[in-house]
Amino acid sequence: MKKFIFAVSLLLLAGSASQAQENFYQGRTVKLIIGSTTGGGYDLWARLLAQYLGRHIPGKPDIIVQNMPGAGSLVAANYVYNVAKPDGLTLGAVLPAIYFDQLVGRSEVQFDWAKFGWVGSPEQNDILHFVRSDTPYRNAEDLRNAKEPQRCGSSGTGTTGHYVPRLLEETLAIKTRIVGGYQGGSEIDLAIERGEVHCWSPLIATFFGREPYIGWLKKGFVRVLIQTGRKRDPRLPDVLTIYELMEQYKTPEAGKRLAKVVLTAATLGRPIVTTPGLPAERLKTLREAYARTLADAELLAETRKRRWDVSPLTGEELEALAKEVVTQPPQVIERMKWVMGRD
C-alpha cells in the first residue's frame, strides 16, 4: 500500500511540474539567438528547429529568431550567458568551437563553457578541407610542398575556417594564409567564387547538405583533399583522413592529442544552449521538448528533403562533453594558443 501511495505521489508531482511549465510558457515568446549570419548551416538548422520547437514545449510558446553574428559567435554566447534572464525564454545557437577561446584565455570570453544550460544538438559532425579545382593542389602532399601557402577564408578564431588550417599546419606541416574578416559562411562562399580565397573547411554535413557546395561538387568547381573523421565518410571514399595522414607523416603524440581536443568541437555538432542558473525543472522541460522536436515527423521529412543528417546529442551528453573539453593540461593549452593564432 505504501509503495502504491508513493508511486501515485510521484505521478502527481510529475503532473504538477508539467502543468507549472505549461502555465509558464503559455502565451510567451522564446527568443533563439543565432550566433552567425543568415544562410549558413548553423543559421539554417536553427531556423528549422524554431519552426517546430514551440509545438513541443508545454504551453506552446512562439519561437522567434534573431541573428547576432560576430567573433565566431562569441557575441551571441556572451549575450546568452550574461544579458539574457535565466528564465528559459532565451536560447542560443552558437558555434561549438568557441570553447577554444576560453581555453587560451581570450579576454573577450565572458562565459564558462561548462556552465551553459545545454539543451541538445541535432547532429555530430566531421569536417573536410577543400580547394578550388583550378588550384595546383591535388592532395595533402601538394599542400605540404606548395611554394605559396593556400589562401583560406575565416569568420573567426572559433570557426572551422580558422582552426582546421591551423591544426593542419601543427600536425601535418601544411602552410595556410588565413584571410579573416568575413561575417559567416555565406560571405566566404562568395569570396571563393570571386577568387579572393580558394579554400575552406566546412562541416561535412554542410558540404553535402546545401548549395552552393552541391552544385560546386557536381560541376567539379572544388576538390576535397582532407577529412577529419576517424573513418572515411562513405561519400568521400578516396579522401584521406587527418588520422591516416598523421600516421603517414609520423605526427608526434602531442600533435595527435591536440587534434583530439580540437576536433571534439565538430562532435558537439550544432548545439543549442540556454542561460546558466536556469531552474532544473525548466531545463529538463527544454531538453525533453528539443528531443521531441528532433523526432517530429514533419521536421524529419524536411531534413530528408534537404539531405541533412540527424544524429542527435542530448543535453546531458553535451553537458558532459563541455565539462571534459575545458579541462586540459597546460601543455595542450599552449599548443591551442598556436592553433588560435596567439603565438
Protein backbone atom coordinates (compact mmCIF):
# COMPACT_ATOMS: atom_id res chain seq x y z
CA MET A 1 0.00 0.00 0.00
CA LYS A 2 2.85 2.40 0.90
CA LYS A 3 4.56 1.67 -2.45
CA PHE A 4 1.29 2.42 -4.26
CA ILE A 5 0.87 5.72 -2.41
CA PHE A 6 4.50 6.64 -3.17
CA ALA A 7 4.01 5.88 -6.88
CA VAL A 8 0.82 7.94 -7.02
CA SER A 9 2.61 10.80 -5.27
CA LEU A 10 5.39 10.75 -7.89
CA LEU A 11 2.83 10.86 -10.69
CA LEU A 12 1.05 13.78 -9.06
CA LEU A 13 4.33 15.63 -8.63
CA ALA A 14 5.28 15.00 -12.28
CA GLY A 15 1.88 16.20 -13.42
CA SER A 16 2.13 19.27 -11.23
CA ALA A 17 5.61 20.11 -12.62
CA SER A 18 4.38 19.68 -16.19
CA GLN A 19 1.40 21.92 -15.50
CA ALA A 20 3.68 24.53 -13.96
CA GLN A 21 5.85 24.62 -17.09
CA GLU A 22 2.79 24.84 -19.32
CA ASN A 23 1.46 27.73 -17.26
CA PHE A 24 4.83 29.46 -17.51
CA TYR A 25 5.27 29.17 -21.28
CA GLN A 26 1.66 29.69 -22.35
CA GLY A 27 1.27 32.99 -24.19
CA ARG A 28 5.02 33.74 -24.03
CA THR A 29 7.69 34.09 -26.67
CA VAL A 30 11.04 32.28 -26.68
CA LYS A 31 13.89 34.04 -28.45
CA LEU A 32 16.51 31.95 -30.26
CA ILE A 33 19.76 33.90 -30.70
CA ILE A 34 21.79 32.67 -33.69
CA GLY A 35 25.48 33.46 -33.43
CA SER A 36 26.12 33.53 -37.18
CA THR A 37 24.88 35.29 -40.31
CA THR A 38 21.86 34.17 -42.31
CA GLY A 39 22.21 31.44 -44.89
CA GLY A 40 24.92 29.31 -43.27
CA GLY A 41 24.49 25.81 -41.90
CA TYR A 42 24.14 26.88 -38.26
CA ASP A 43 21.56 29.51 -39.20
CA LEU A 44 19.52 27.16 -41.40
CA TRP A 45 19.42 24.39 -38.76
CA ALA A 46 18.42 26.82 -36.02
CA ARG A 47 15.64 28.31 -38.14
CA LEU A 48 14.28 24.87 -38.97
CA LEU A 49 14.21 23.94 -35.28
CA ALA A 50 12.46 27.19 -34.46
CA GLN A 51 9.59 26.23 -36.77
CA TYR A 52 8.82 23.09 -34.73
CA LEU A 53 10.19 23.57 -31.21
CA GLY A 54 7.31 25.67 -29.91
CA ARG A 55 4.73 22.95 -30.51
CA HIS A 56 6.68 20.57 -28.24
CA ILE A 57 7.18 22.94 -25.28
CA PRO A 58 4.30 22.80 -22.77
CA GLY A 59 2.13 25.86 -23.34
CA LYS A 60 3.25 26.07 -27.00
CA PRO A 61 5.09 29.43 -26.90
CA ASP A 62 6.02 31.31 -30.05
CA ILE A 63 9.66 30.98 -31.13
CA ILE A 64 11.37 33.93 -32.82
CA VAL A 65 14.92 34.01 -34.16
CA GLN A 66 17.47 36.80 -34.06
CA ASN A 67 20.86 36.70 -35.75
CA MET A 68 23.67 38.10 -33.60
CA PRO A 69 26.88 37.37 -35.56
CA GLY A 70 30.35 38.43 -34.54
CA ALA A 71 33.69 36.94 -33.48
CA GLY A 72 32.71 33.39 -34.41
CA SER A 73 29.52 33.63 -32.25
CA LEU A 74 31.33 34.96 -29.17
CA VAL A 75 28.98 37.95 -29.22
CA ALA A 76 25.92 35.71 -29.08
CA ALA A 77 27.41 33.43 -26.42
CA ASN A 78 28.29 36.37 -24.20
CA TYR A 79 24.77 37.73 -24.59
CA VAL A 80 23.05 34.47 -23.66
CA TYR A 81 25.38 33.91 -20.72
CA ASN A 82 25.37 37.42 -19.22
CA VAL A 83 22.49 39.52 -20.53
CA ALA A 84 19.57 37.14 -21.01
CA LYS A 85 17.50 36.35 -17.93
CA PRO A 86 17.78 32.77 -16.60
CA ASP A 87 14.09 32.09 -17.17
CA GLY A 88 14.09 29.69 -20.12
CA LEU A 89 12.91 32.31 -22.62
CA THR A 90 16.28 32.77 -24.36
CA LEU A 91 18.14 30.08 -26.29
CA GLY A 92 21.37 30.33 -28.25
CA ALA A 93 22.65 28.57 -31.36
CA VAL A 94 26.41 29.01 -31.00
CA LEU A 95 29.42 27.66 -32.81
CA PRO A 96 30.81 24.79 -30.71
CA ALA A 97 34.49 25.63 -31.10
CA ILE A 98 34.30 28.85 -29.09
CA TYR A 99 35.48 26.88 -26.08
CA PHE A 100 38.91 27.23 -27.72
CA ASP A 101 38.81 30.93 -26.83
CA GLN A 102 38.14 30.06 -23.20
CA LEU A 103 41.00 27.55 -23.11
CA VAL A 104 43.54 30.08 -24.33
CA GLY A 105 42.25 32.84 -22.06
CA ARG A 106 40.90 35.37 -24.56
CA SER A 107 39.67 38.48 -22.76
CA GLU A 108 36.59 38.67 -25.00
CA VAL A 109 35.23 35.47 -23.44
CA GLN A 110 32.68 36.34 -20.77
CA PHE A 111 31.32 32.86 -20.12
CA ASP A 112 32.24 29.49 -18.66
CA TRP A 113 31.56 26.91 -21.37
CA ALA A 114 30.75 24.17 -18.87
CA LYS A 115 28.08 26.25 -17.12
CA PHE A 116 25.72 26.93 -20.00
CA GLY A 117 22.37 25.17 -19.85
CA TRP A 118 22.85 22.51 -22.54
CA VAL A 119 19.65 21.71 -24.44
CA GLY A 120 20.72 19.46 -27.33
CA SER A 121 22.34 19.16 -30.76
CA PRO A 122 20.79 17.72 -33.94
CA GLU A 123 23.94 16.12 -35.28
CA GLN A 124 27.52 15.09 -34.66
CA ASN A 125 29.94 16.22 -37.33
CA ASP A 126 33.24 15.82 -39.03
CA ILE A 127 34.97 18.44 -41.18
CA LEU A 128 36.50 18.45 -44.65
CA HIS A 129 39.06 20.69 -46.29
CA PHE A 130 38.51 21.64 -49.94
CA VAL A 131 40.22 23.82 -52.54
CA ARG A 132 39.11 25.28 -55.82
CA SER A 133 39.84 22.82 -58.60
CA ASP A 134 41.71 25.42 -60.63
CA THR A 135 44.48 25.49 -57.99
CA PRO A 136 47.54 23.22 -58.35
CA TYR A 137 46.73 21.26 -55.18
CA ARG A 138 45.69 17.64 -55.75
CA ASN A 139 46.36 16.10 -52.33
CA ALA A 140 47.87 16.72 -48.90
CA GLU A 141 51.38 16.19 -50.27
CA ASP A 142 50.87 19.07 -52.72
CA LEU A 143 49.74 21.28 -49.85
CA ARG A 144 52.81 20.36 -47.82
CA ASN A 145 55.18 21.13 -50.70
CA ALA A 146 53.47 24.27 -52.02
CA LYS A 147 55.74 27.28 -52.64
CA GLU A 148 52.85 29.61 -51.90
CA PRO A 149 50.55 28.70 -48.99
CA GLN A 150 46.89 28.10 -49.71
CA ARG A 151 44.63 31.07 -49.00
CA CYS A 152 41.58 30.17 -46.90
CA GLY A 153 38.59 32.17 -45.66
CA SER A 154 37.67 32.53 -41.98
CA SER A 155 34.95 34.30 -39.97
CA GLY A 156 36.58 33.98 -36.55
CA THR A 157 39.03 32.00 -34.44
CA GLY A 158 36.32 29.68 -33.17
CA THR A 159 35.25 28.64 -36.66
CA THR A 160 36.38 25.69 -38.76
CA GLY A 161 37.78 28.13 -41.33
CA HIS A 162 40.40 29.18 -38.78
CA TYR A 163 41.15 26.24 -36.54
CA VAL A 164 41.28 23.48 -39.16
CA PRO A 165 44.01 25.15 -41.28
CA ARG A 166 45.97 25.91 -38.11
CA LEU A 167 45.60 22.31 -36.96
CA LEU A 168 46.78 21.07 -40.38
CA GLU A 169 49.89 23.21 -40.03
CA GLU A 170 50.57 22.00 -36.49
CA THR A 171 50.05 18.29 -37.24
CA LEU A 172 50.89 17.91 -40.96
CA ALA A 173 53.15 20.91 -41.73
CA ILE A 174 50.62 22.30 -44.24
CA LYS A 175 51.03 26.07 -44.53
CA THR A 176 47.98 28.32 -44.90
CA ARG A 177 47.36 32.03 -45.24
CA ILE A 178 44.12 32.62 -43.33
CA VAL A 179 42.06 35.53 -44.64
CA GLY A 180 39.74 36.74 -41.90
CA GLY A 181 37.07 39.39 -41.60
CA TYR A 182 34.17 37.52 -43.18
CA GLN A 183 30.91 37.60 -41.21
CA GLY A 184 29.96 33.98 -41.93
CA GLY A 185 29.97 31.02 -44.29
CA SER A 186 27.84 32.67 -46.96
CA GLU A 187 30.34 35.51 -47.28
CA ILE A 188 33.20 33.01 -47.57
CA ASP A 189 31.28 31.20 -50.33
CA LEU A 190 31.13 34.43 -52.32
CA ALA A 191 34.82 35.07 -51.69
CA ILE A 192 35.66 31.63 -53.06
CA GLU A 193 33.57 32.26 -56.17
CA ARG A 194 35.30 35.62 -56.69
CA GLY A 195 38.73 34.08 -56.20
CA GLU A 196 39.60 36.15 -53.11
CA VAL A 197 40.28 32.86 -51.31
CA HIS A 198 40.45 29.38 -52.73
CA CYS A 199 39.96 27.03 -49.79
CA TRP A 200 37.72 26.48 -46.80
CA SER A 201 36.97 23.82 -44.17
CA PRO A 202 33.20 23.41 -43.62
CA LEU A 203 31.37 20.64 -41.82
CA ILE A 204 30.80 17.57 -43.97
CA ALA A 205 27.06 17.84 -43.24
CA THR A 206 27.06 21.40 -44.58
CA PHE A 207 29.05 20.47 -47.67
CA PHE A 208 26.67 17.69 -48.69
CA GLY A 209 23.54 19.36 -47.36
CA ARG A 210 23.20 22.67 -49.16
CA GLU A 211 24.18 24.92 -52.00
CA PRO A 212 26.49 26.14 -53.32
CA TYR A 213 28.52 23.05 -52.39
CA ILE A 214 26.23 20.50 -54.01
CA GLY A 215 26.48 22.39 -57.29
CA TRP A 216 30.18 23.03 -56.89
CA LEU A 217 30.85 19.33 -56.42
CA LYS A 218 28.75 18.34 -59.44
CA LYS A 219 30.50 20.90 -61.65
CA GLY A 220 33.94 19.97 -60.38
CA PHE A 221 34.49 23.52 -59.11
CA VAL A 222 36.08 22.28 -55.87
CA ARG A 223 38.21 19.35 -54.79
CA VAL A 224 38.13 17.78 -51.30
CA LEU A 225 41.63 16.94 -50.03
CA ILE A 226 41.32 16.01 -46.32
CA GLN A 227 38.58 14.91 -43.90
CA THR A 228 38.72 14.79 -40.10
CA GLY A 229 36.70 11.71 -39.14
CA ARG A 230 38.22 8.61 -37.62
CA LYS A 231 36.82 6.75 -40.62
CA ARG A 232 36.35 7.98 -44.17
CA ASP A 233 32.90 9.29 -44.92
CA PRO A 234 31.16 6.95 -47.43
CA ARG A 235 30.64 9.93 -49.73
CA LEU A 236 34.41 10.62 -49.71
CA PRO A 237 35.90 7.13 -50.06
CA ASP A 238 39.10 8.31 -51.75
CA VAL A 239 39.86 11.22 -49.42
CA LEU A 240 42.38 10.51 -46.64
CA THR A 241 41.53 11.35 -43.04
CA ILE A 242 43.72 13.54 -40.86
CA TYR A 243 44.38 10.47 -38.71
CA GLU A 244 45.69 8.49 -41.72
CA LEU A 245 47.86 11.44 -42.68
CA MET A 246 49.22 11.85 -39.14
CA GLU A 247 50.32 8.22 -39.27
CA GLN A 248 51.81 8.70 -42.74
CA TYR A 249 53.78 11.79 -41.71
CA LYS A 250 54.63 10.47 -38.22
CA THR A 251 52.98 13.26 -36.26
CA PRO A 252 54.20 13.25 -32.62
CA GLU A 253 51.80 12.09 -29.89
CA ALA A 254 51.40 15.65 -28.64
CA GLY A 255 50.03 16.64 -32.03
CA LYS A 256 47.62 13.73 -32.06
CA ARG A 257 46.34 14.67 -28.62
CA LEU A 258 45.86 18.25 -29.73
CA ALA A 259 43.88 17.02 -32.75
CA LYS A 260 41.50 15.14 -30.46
CA VAL A 261 40.84 18.23 -28.33
CA VAL A 262 40.31 20.45 -31.37
CA LEU A 263 38.14 18.05 -33.34
CA THR A 264 35.81 17.42 -30.41
CA ALA A 265 34.21 20.71 -31.44
CA ALA A 266 32.75 19.05 -34.51
CA THR A 267 31.37 16.22 -32.37
CA LEU A 268 29.32 18.80 -30.47
CA GLY A 269 27.51 19.47 -33.74
CA ARG A 270 25.21 22.49 -33.75
CA PRO A 271 24.44 22.92 -30.05
CA ILE A 272 21.52 24.81 -28.56
CA VAL A 273 22.26 26.36 -25.18
CA THR A 274 20.42 28.47 -22.66
CA THR A 275 21.42 30.70 -19.78
CA PRO A 276 23.26 29.36 -16.73
CA GLY A 277 21.30 29.22 -13.50
CA LEU A 278 18.08 28.07 -15.13
CA PRO A 279 15.85 26.11 -12.72
CA ALA A 280 16.48 22.38 -13.20
CA GLU A 281 12.85 21.59 -13.99
CA ARG A 282 12.71 24.20 -16.73
CA LEU A 283 15.97 22.98 -18.28
CA LYS A 284 14.53 19.46 -18.21
CA THR A 285 11.42 20.74 -19.98
CA LEU A 286 13.50 22.35 -22.74
CA ARG A 287 15.64 19.23 -23.19
CA GLU A 288 12.59 16.99 -23.47
CA ALA A 289 10.90 19.38 -25.89
CA TYR A 290 14.06 19.51 -28.01
CA ALA A 291 14.24 15.70 -28.14
CA ARG A 292 10.58 15.52 -29.21
CA THR A 293 11.25 18.14 -31.86
CA LEU A 294 14.01 16.04 -33.42
CA ALA A 295 11.57 13.11 -33.58
CA ASP A 296 8.85 15.22 -35.21
CA ALA A 297 7.76 13.51 -38.44
CA GLU A 298 7.37 16.80 -40.32
CA LEU A 299 10.82 18.03 -39.28
CA LEU A 300 12.41 14.72 -40.25
CA ALA A 301 10.69 14.84 -43.64
CA GLU A 302 12.15 18.30 -44.17
CA THR A 303 15.67 17.16 -43.19
CA ARG A 304 15.44 14.31 -45.69
CA LYS A 305 14.36 16.76 -48.37
CA ARG A 306 17.36 18.94 -47.55
CA ARG A 307 19.68 15.92 -47.33
CA TRP A 308 20.64 16.71 -43.74
CA ASP A 309 21.81 14.02 -41.36
CA VAL A 310 20.16 13.71 -37.94
CA SER A 311 22.33 12.10 -35.25
CA PRO A 312 21.36 13.90 -32.04
CA LEU A 313 23.21 14.51 -28.81
CA THR A 314 21.13 15.04 -25.68
CA GLY A 315 21.60 17.98 -23.36
CA GLU A 316 23.10 15.66 -20.77
CA GLU A 317 25.63 14.33 -23.29
CA LEU A 318 26.57 17.85 -24.38
CA GLU A 319 27.00 18.92 -20.76
CA ALA A 320 29.39 16.04 -20.08
CA LEU A 321 31.46 16.81 -23.20
CA ALA A 322 31.55 20.52 -22.36
CA LYS A 323 32.91 19.86 -18.88
CA GLU A 324 35.51 17.42 -20.20
CA VAL A 325 36.82 19.54 -23.05
CA VAL A 326 37.57 22.68 -20.99
CA THR A 327 39.68 20.70 -18.53
CA GLN A 328 43.05 20.38 -20.27
CA PRO A 329 46.70 20.23 -19.07
CA PRO A 330 48.96 23.27 -19.60
CA GLN A 331 50.89 21.69 -22.47
CA VAL A 332 47.73 21.19 -24.53
CA ILE A 333 46.62 24.74 -23.81
CA GLU A 334 49.98 26.06 -25.01
CA ARG A 335 49.54 24.28 -28.34
CA MET A 336 45.95 25.51 -28.51
CA LYS A 337 47.35 29.04 -28.41
CA TRP A 338 49.17 28.27 -31.65
CA VAL A 339 46.01 26.92 -33.25
CA MET A 340 44.19 30.08 -32.19
CA GLY A 341 46.90 32.32 -33.58
CA ARG A 342 48.01 33.56 -30.16
CA ASP A 343 51.67 32.59 -30.53
